[in-house]
């Protein structure tokens, strides 16, 4: 009897997604929309807020001898993990909490004629200004576009992003410490 009742109960149809949208498709679409420097400048202007010099320089170690690395990640745990690893391996570093802070820091360096980082390590998903917007901004500034970028992200399917954005490295989260150091060592040789 219960079986017959179930058969007669109206069922709700579930929407079937034939082709799920890949994260990378969304990223590439976003890149296509950011097609000139004016769009990137407008992105920066839309999200303007005051960042003090003290805030920009708060997570920093100038004592490394091998190279200066800019670390950009909104997760404090990941920033600390990367910066401790860099310190242990004799790299100087400065860390910023998102793309907006990183842009302000890079503008600070350019405006004050201060040495630029040798490598930038960035996450992709961040508040205020995400990693894709940061990468696009960097690649459109003549003085910065030569700097190698390593993405550290939980998104795995980023091959198309490598070629379109000229990103030199990618490590999936959670990453192996030795893999990150190997990528940095390799990029610093050039």
C-alpha atoms as a PDB file:
ATOM      1  CA  UNK A   1       0.000   0.000   0.000  1.00  0.00           C
ATOM      2  CA  UNK A   2       2.822   2.442   0.886  1.00  0.00           C
ATOM      3  CA  UNK A   3       4.518   1.668  -2.420  1.00  0.00           C
ATOM      4  CA  UNK A   4       1.352   2.506  -4.359  1.00  0.00           C
ATOM      5  CA  UNK A   5       1.005   5.800  -2.470  1.00  0.00           C
ATOM      6  CA  UNK A   6       4.554   6.753  -3.412  1.00  0.00           C
ATOM      7  CA  UNK A   7       3.881   5.999  -7.069  1.00  0.00           C
ATOM      8  CA  UNK A   8       0.871   8.301  -7.086  1.00  0.00           C
ATOM      9  CA  UNK A   9       2.664  11.182  -5.320  1.00  0.00           C
ATOM     10  CA  UNK A  10       3.532  13.987  -7.717  1.00  0.00           C
ATOM     11  CA  UNK A  11       7.278  14.373  -8.096  1.00  0.00           C
ATOM     12  CA  UNK A  12       9.099  17.617  -8.504  1.00  0.00           C
ATOM     13  CA  UNK A  13      11.402  17.772 -11.471  1.00  0.00           C
ATOM     14  CA  UNK A  14      14.985  18.702 -10.721  1.00  0.00           C
ATOM     15  CA  UNK A  15      16.706  20.999 -13.114  1.00  0.00           C
ATOM     16  CA  UNK A  16      19.452  19.107 -14.893  1.00  0.00           C
ATOM     17  CA  UNK A  17      22.567  21.057 -15.753  1.00  0.00           C
ATOM     18  CA  UNK A  18      23.909  19.669 -18.963  1.00  0.00           C
ATOM     19  CA  UNK A  19      27.315  21.341 -18.792  1.00  0.00           C
ATOM     20  CA  UNK A  20      28.499  22.768 -15.477  1.00  0.00           C
ATOM     21  CA  UNK A  21      30.240  26.118 -15.666  1.00  0.00           C
ATOM     22  CA  UNK A  22      33.904  25.653 -14.913  1.00  0.00           C
ATOM     23  CA  UNK A  23      35.580  28.219 -12.692  1.00  0.00           C
ATOM     24  CA  UNK A  24      38.214  28.780 -15.338  1.00  0.00           C
ATOM     25  CA  UNK A  25      35.534  29.751 -17.887  1.00  0.00           C
ATOM     26  CA  UNK A  26      34.375  32.472 -15.518  1.00  0.00           C
ATOM     27  CA  UNK A  27      37.960  33.621 -14.987  1.00  0.00           C
ATOM     28  CA  UNK A  28      38.712  33.796 -18.701  1.00  0.00           C
ATOM     29  CA  UNK A  29      35.444  35.665 -19.279  1.00  0.00           C
ATOM     30  CA  UNK A  30      36.504  38.168 -16.623  1.00  0.00           C
ATOM     31  CA  UNK A  31      39.899  38.566 -18.312  1.00  0.00           C
ATOM     32  CA  UNK A  32      38.207  39.248 -21.640  1.00  0.00           C
ATOM     33  CA  UNK A  33      36.188  42.044 -20.033  1.00  0.00           C
ATOM     34  CA  UNK A  34      39.336  43.660 -18.616  1.00  0.00           C
ATOM     35  CA  UNK A  35      40.791  44.361 -22.014  1.00  0.00           C
ATOM     36  CA  UNK A  36      42.509  47.680 -21.544  1.00  0.00           C
ATOM     37  CA  UNK A  37      44.364  49.701 -18.963  1.00  0.00           C
ATOM     38  CA  UNK A  38      41.472  52.160 -18.498  1.00  0.00           C
ATOM     39  CA  UNK A  39      39.218  49.312 -17.338  1.00  0.00           C
ATOM     40  CA  UNK A  40      41.893  48.272 -14.861  1.00  0.00           C
ATOM     41  CA  UNK A  41      42.420  51.812 -13.586  1.00  0.00           C
ATOM     42  CA  UNK A  42      38.651  52.159 -13.155  1.00  0.00           C
ATOM     43  CA  UNK A  43      38.597  48.897 -11.187  1.00  0.00           C
ATOM     44  CA  UNK A  44      41.176  50.344  -8.827  1.00  0.00           C
ATOM     45  CA  UNK A  45      39.285  53.651  -8.526  1.00  0.00           C
ATOM     46  CA  UNK A  46      35.961  51.959  -7.766  1.00  0.00           C
ATOM     47  CA  UNK A  47      37.427  50.264  -4.742  1.00  0.00           C
ATOM     48  CA  UNK A  48      39.510  53.104  -3.374  1.00  0.00           C
ATOM     49  CA  UNK A  49      40.094  53.357   0.328  1.00  0.00           C
ATOM     50  CA  UNK A  50      42.887  54.805   2.404  1.00  0.00           C
ATOM     51  CA  UNK A  51      45.764  52.467   3.221  1.00  0.00           C
ATOM     52  CA  UNK A  52      48.515  53.878   5.375  1.00  0.00           C
ATOM     53  CA  UNK A  53      52.215  53.310   4.726  1.00  0.00           C
ATOM     54  CA  UNK A  54      52.379  51.554   8.090  1.00  0.00           C
ATOM     55  CA  UNK A  55      49.692  49.074   6.971  1.00  0.00           C
ATOM     56  CA  UNK A  56      51.473  48.453   3.662  1.00  0.00           C
ATOM     57  CA  UNK A  57      54.753  47.677   5.411  1.00  0.00           C
ATOM     58  CA  UNK A  58      53.410  45.792   8.446  1.00  0.00           C
ATOM     59  CA  UNK A  59      54.188  42.204   7.307  1.00  0.00           C
ATOM     60  CA  UNK A  60      57.739  42.477   6.084  1.00  0.00           C
ATOM     61  CA  UNK A  61      61.219  41.019   6.453  1.00  0.00           C
ATOM     62  CA  UNK A  62      64.136  42.729   4.677  1.00  0.00           C
ATOM     63  CA  UNK A  63      66.795  40.351   6.010  1.00  0.00           C
ATOM     64  CA  UNK A  64      66.686  37.781   3.227  1.00  0.00           C
ATOM     65  CA  UNK A  65      69.611  37.504   0.881  1.00  0.00           C
ATOM     66  CA  UNK A  66      68.236  35.539  -2.062  1.00  0.00           C
ATOM     67  CA  UNK A  67      65.406  37.658  -3.455  1.00  0.00           C
ATOM     68  CA  UNK A  68      62.472  39.835  -2.499  1.00  0.00           C
ATOM     69  CA  UNK A  69      59.042  38.223  -2.723  1.00  0.00           C
ATOM     70  CA  UNK A  70      55.617  39.921  -2.592  1.00  0.00           C
ATOM     71  CA  UNK A  71      53.018  37.585  -1.052  1.00  0.00           C
ATOM     72  CA  UNK A  72      49.330  38.427  -1.620  1.00  0.00           C
ATOM     73  CA  UNK A  73      46.686  36.363   0.166  1.00  0.00           C
ATOM     74  CA  UNK A  74      43.662  37.313   2.240  1.00  0.00           C
ATOM     75  CA  UNK A  75      44.057  34.302   4.548  1.00  0.00           C
ATOM     76  CA  UNK A  76      46.402  35.197   7.410  1.00  0.00           C
ATOM     77  CA  UNK A  77      47.244  31.515   7.956  1.00  0.00           C
ATOM     78  CA  UNK A  78      48.427  31.108   4.363  1.00  0.00           C
ATOM     79  CA  UNK A  79      50.363  34.412   4.423  1.00  0.00           C
ATOM     80  CA  UNK A  80      52.106  33.324   7.635  1.00  0.00           C
ATOM     81  CA  UNK A  81      52.861  29.859   6.258  1.00  0.00           C
ATOM     82  CA  UNK A  82      54.415  31.319   3.102  1.00  0.00           C
ATOM     83  CA  UNK A  83      56.328  34.113   4.862  1.00  0.00           C
ATOM     84  CA  UNK A  84      57.759  31.746   7.499  1.00  0.00           C
ATOM     85  CA  UNK A  85      58.849  29.419   4.698  1.00  0.00           C
ATOM     86  CA  UNK A  86      60.469  32.330   2.836  1.00  0.00           C
ATOM     87  CA  UNK A  87      62.246  33.517   5.974  1.00  0.00           C
ATOM     88  CA  UNK A  88      63.512  29.991   6.675  1.00  0.00           C
ATOM     89  CA  UNK A  89      64.932  29.849   3.130  1.00  0.00           C
ATOM     90  CA  UNK A  90      66.646  33.272   3.346  1.00  0.00           C
ATOM     91  CA  UNK A  91      64.219  35.295   1.196  1.00  0.00           C
ATOM     92  CA  UNK A  92      63.177  38.854   1.952  1.00  0.00           C
ATOM     93  CA  UNK A  93      59.427  39.311   1.724  1.00  0.00           C
ATOM     94  CA  UNK A  94      56.518  41.631   2.167  1.00  0.00           C
ATOM     95  CA  UNK A  95      52.929  40.396   2.489  1.00  0.00           C
ATOM     96  CA  UNK A  96      49.687  42.135   1.528  1.00  0.00           C
ATOM     97  CA  UNK A  97      46.179  41.034   2.475  1.00  0.00           C
ATOM     98  CA  UNK A  98      44.491  41.372  -0.925  1.00  0.00           C
ATOM     99  CA  UNK A  99      44.900  42.723  -4.439  1.00  0.00           C
ATOM    100  CA  UNK A 100      43.958  46.275  -3.446  1.00  0.00           C
ATOM    101  CA  UNK A 101      46.711  46.389  -0.818  1.00  0.00           C
ATOM    102  CA  UNK A 102      49.164  44.882  -3.317  1.00  0.00           C
ATOM    103  CA  UNK A 103      48.375  47.555  -5.909  1.00  0.00           C
ATOM    104  CA  UNK A 104      48.803  50.323  -3.336  1.00  0.00           C
ATOM    105  CA  UNK A 105      52.119  48.765  -2.288  1.00  0.00           C
ATOM    106  CA  UNK A 106      53.386  48.466  -5.879  1.00  0.00           C
ATOM    107  CA  UNK A 107      52.317  52.059  -6.606  1.00  0.00           C
ATOM    108  CA  UNK A 108      54.147  53.112  -3.423  1.00  0.00           C
ATOM    109  CA  UNK A 109      57.330  51.413  -4.721  1.00  0.00           C
ATOM    110  CA  UNK A 110      56.998  52.992  -8.172  1.00  0.00           C
ATOM    111  CA  UNK A 111      56.240  56.481  -6.830  1.00  0.00           C
ATOM    112  CA  UNK A 112      59.181  56.403  -4.410  1.00  0.00           C
ATOM    113  CA  UNK A 113      61.690  54.762  -6.754  1.00  0.00           C
ATOM    114  CA  UNK A 114      62.067  51.748  -4.445  1.00  0.00           C
ATOM    115  CA  UNK A 115      63.305  48.355  -5.631  1.00  0.00           C
ATOM    116  CA  UNK A 116      60.512  46.144  -6.995  1.00  0.00           C
ATOM    117  CA  UNK A 117      59.877  42.558  -5.877  1.00  0.00           C
ATOM    118  CA  UNK A 118      61.632  39.776  -7.782  1.00  0.00           C
ATOM    119  CA  UNK A 119      58.556  37.501  -7.674  1.00  0.00           C
ATOM    120  CA  UNK A 120      54.880  37.900  -6.770  1.00  0.00           C
ATOM    121  CA  UNK A 121      52.987  35.026  -5.143  1.00  0.00           C
ATOM    122  CA  UNK A 122      49.223  35.552  -5.167  1.00  0.00           C
ATOM    123  CA  UNK A 123      45.968  33.863  -4.331  1.00  0.00           C
ATOM    124  CA  UNK A 124      43.073  34.296  -6.757  1.00  0.00           C
ATOM    125  CA  UNK A 125      39.973  34.607  -4.590  1.00  0.00           C
ATOM    126  CA  UNK A 126      40.308  37.688  -2.388  1.00  0.00           C
ATOM    127  CA  UNK A 127      38.040  40.529  -1.289  1.00  0.00           C
ATOM    128  CA  UNK A 128      38.286  44.111  -2.611  1.00  0.00           C
ATOM    129  CA  UNK A 129      40.430  43.197  -5.634  1.00  0.00           C
ATOM    130  CA  UNK A 130      40.960  39.554  -6.542  1.00  0.00           C
ATOM    131  CA  UNK A 131      44.040  37.854  -7.965  1.00  0.00           C
ATOM    132  CA  UNK A 132      42.877  38.035 -11.586  1.00  0.00           C
ATOM    133  CA  UNK A 133      42.353  41.778 -11.347  1.00  0.00           C
ATOM    134  CA  UNK A 134      45.752  42.143  -9.687  1.00  0.00           C
ATOM    135  CA  UNK A 135      47.490  40.078 -12.381  1.00  0.00           C
ATOM    136  CA  UNK A 136      45.795  42.076 -15.151  1.00  0.00           C
ATOM    137  CA  UNK A 137      46.821  45.348 -13.527  1.00  0.00           C
ATOM    138  CA  UNK A 138      50.449  44.188 -13.146  1.00  0.00           C
ATOM    139  CA  UNK A 139      50.642  42.949 -16.746  1.00  0.00           C
ATOM    140  CA  UNK A 140      49.467  46.351 -18.007  1.00  0.00           C
ATOM    141  CA  UNK A 141      52.094  48.411 -16.164  1.00  0.00           C
ATOM    142  CA  UNK A 142      55.354  48.558 -18.152  1.00  0.00           C
ATOM    143  CA  UNK A 143      57.570  48.753 -15.074  1.00  0.00           C
ATOM    144  CA  UNK A 144      55.934  45.655 -13.533  1.00  0.00           C
ATOM    145  CA  UNK A 145      54.974  43.332 -16.378  1.00  0.00           C
ATOM    146  CA  UNK A 146      58.340  41.520 -16.322  1.00  0.00           C
ATOM    147  CA  UNK A 147      57.885  40.309 -12.708  1.00  0.00           C
ATOM    148  CA  UNK A 148      57.220  36.540 -12.516  1.00  0.00           C
ATOM    149  CA  UNK A 149      53.939  35.573 -10.847  1.00  0.00           C
ATOM    150  CA  UNK A 150      53.167  32.342  -9.006  1.00  0.00           C
ATOM    151  CA  UNK A 151      49.512  31.571  -8.256  1.00  0.00           C
ATOM    152  CA  UNK A 152      48.771  29.640  -5.066  1.00  0.00           C
ATOM    153  CA  UNK A 153      45.098  28.674  -5.271  1.00  0.00           C
ATOM    154  CA  UNK A 154      42.599  25.932  -4.547  1.00  0.00           C
ATOM    155  CA  UNK A 155      41.455  26.053  -8.191  1.00  0.00           C
ATOM    156  CA  UNK A 156      43.151  23.345 -10.209  1.00  0.00           C
ATOM    157  CA  UNK A 157      42.166  23.983 -13.833  1.00  0.00           C
ATOM    158  CA  UNK A 158      44.259  27.007 -14.703  1.00  0.00           C
ATOM    159  CA  UNK A 159      46.238  26.012 -17.800  1.00  0.00           C
ATOM    160  CA  UNK A 160      44.409  28.555 -19.985  1.00  0.00           C
ATOM    161  CA  UNK A 161      45.110  31.263 -17.423  1.00  0.00           C
ATOM    162  CA  UNK A 162      48.857  30.522 -17.605  1.00  0.00           C
ATOM    163  CA  UNK A 163      49.051  31.225 -21.307  1.00  0.00           C
ATOM    164  CA  UNK A 164      46.702  34.223 -21.380  1.00  0.00           C
ATOM    165  CA  UNK A 165      48.189  35.983 -18.364  1.00  0.00           C
ATOM    166  CA  UNK A 166      51.824  34.935 -18.678  1.00  0.00           C
ATOM    167  CA  UNK A 167      51.824  33.427 -15.198  1.00  0.00           C
ATOM    168  CA  UNK A 168      55.035  31.542 -14.494  1.00  0.00           C
ATOM    169  CA  UNK A 169      53.908  29.154 -11.766  1.00  0.00           C
ATOM    170  CA  UNK A 170      50.947  27.550 -10.091  1.00  0.00           C
ATOM    171  CA  UNK A 171      50.618  25.567  -6.882  1.00  0.00           C
ATOM    172  CA  UNK A 172      47.334  24.081  -5.666  1.00  0.00           C
ATOM    173  CA  UNK A 173      46.350  24.633  -2.030  1.00  0.00           C
ATOM    174  CA  UNK A 174      47.384  22.908   0.124  1.00  0.00           C
ATOM    175  CA  UNK A 175      50.845  23.198  -1.404  1.00  0.00           C
ATOM    176  CA  UNK A 176      54.080  21.387  -0.685  1.00  0.00           C
ATOM    177  CA  UNK A 177      56.709  23.721   0.821  1.00  0.00           C
ATOM    178  CA  UNK A 178      59.529  22.257  -1.285  1.00  0.00           C
ATOM    179  CA  UNK A 179      57.519  22.788  -4.495  1.00  0.00           C
ATOM    180  CA  UNK A 180      57.075  26.490  -3.747  1.00  0.00           C
ATOM    181  CA  UNK A 181      60.767  26.973  -2.921  1.00  0.00           C
ATOM    182  CA  UNK A 182      61.763  25.071  -6.086  1.00  0.00           C
ATOM    183  CA  UNK A 183      59.564  27.331  -8.232  1.00  0.00           C
ATOM    184  CA  UNK A 184      61.004  30.459  -6.589  1.00  0.00           C
ATOM    185  CA  UNK A 185      64.601  29.229  -6.981  1.00  0.00           C
ATOM    186  CA  UNK A 186      63.965  28.403 -10.638  1.00  0.00           C
ATOM    187  CA  UNK A 187      62.401  31.809 -11.417  1.00  0.00           C
ATOM    188  CA  UNK A 188      65.154  33.738  -9.646  1.00  0.00           C
ATOM    189  CA  UNK A 189      67.784  32.229 -11.945  1.00  0.00           C
ATOM    190  CA  UNK A 190      66.410  34.199 -14.906  1.00  0.00           C
END
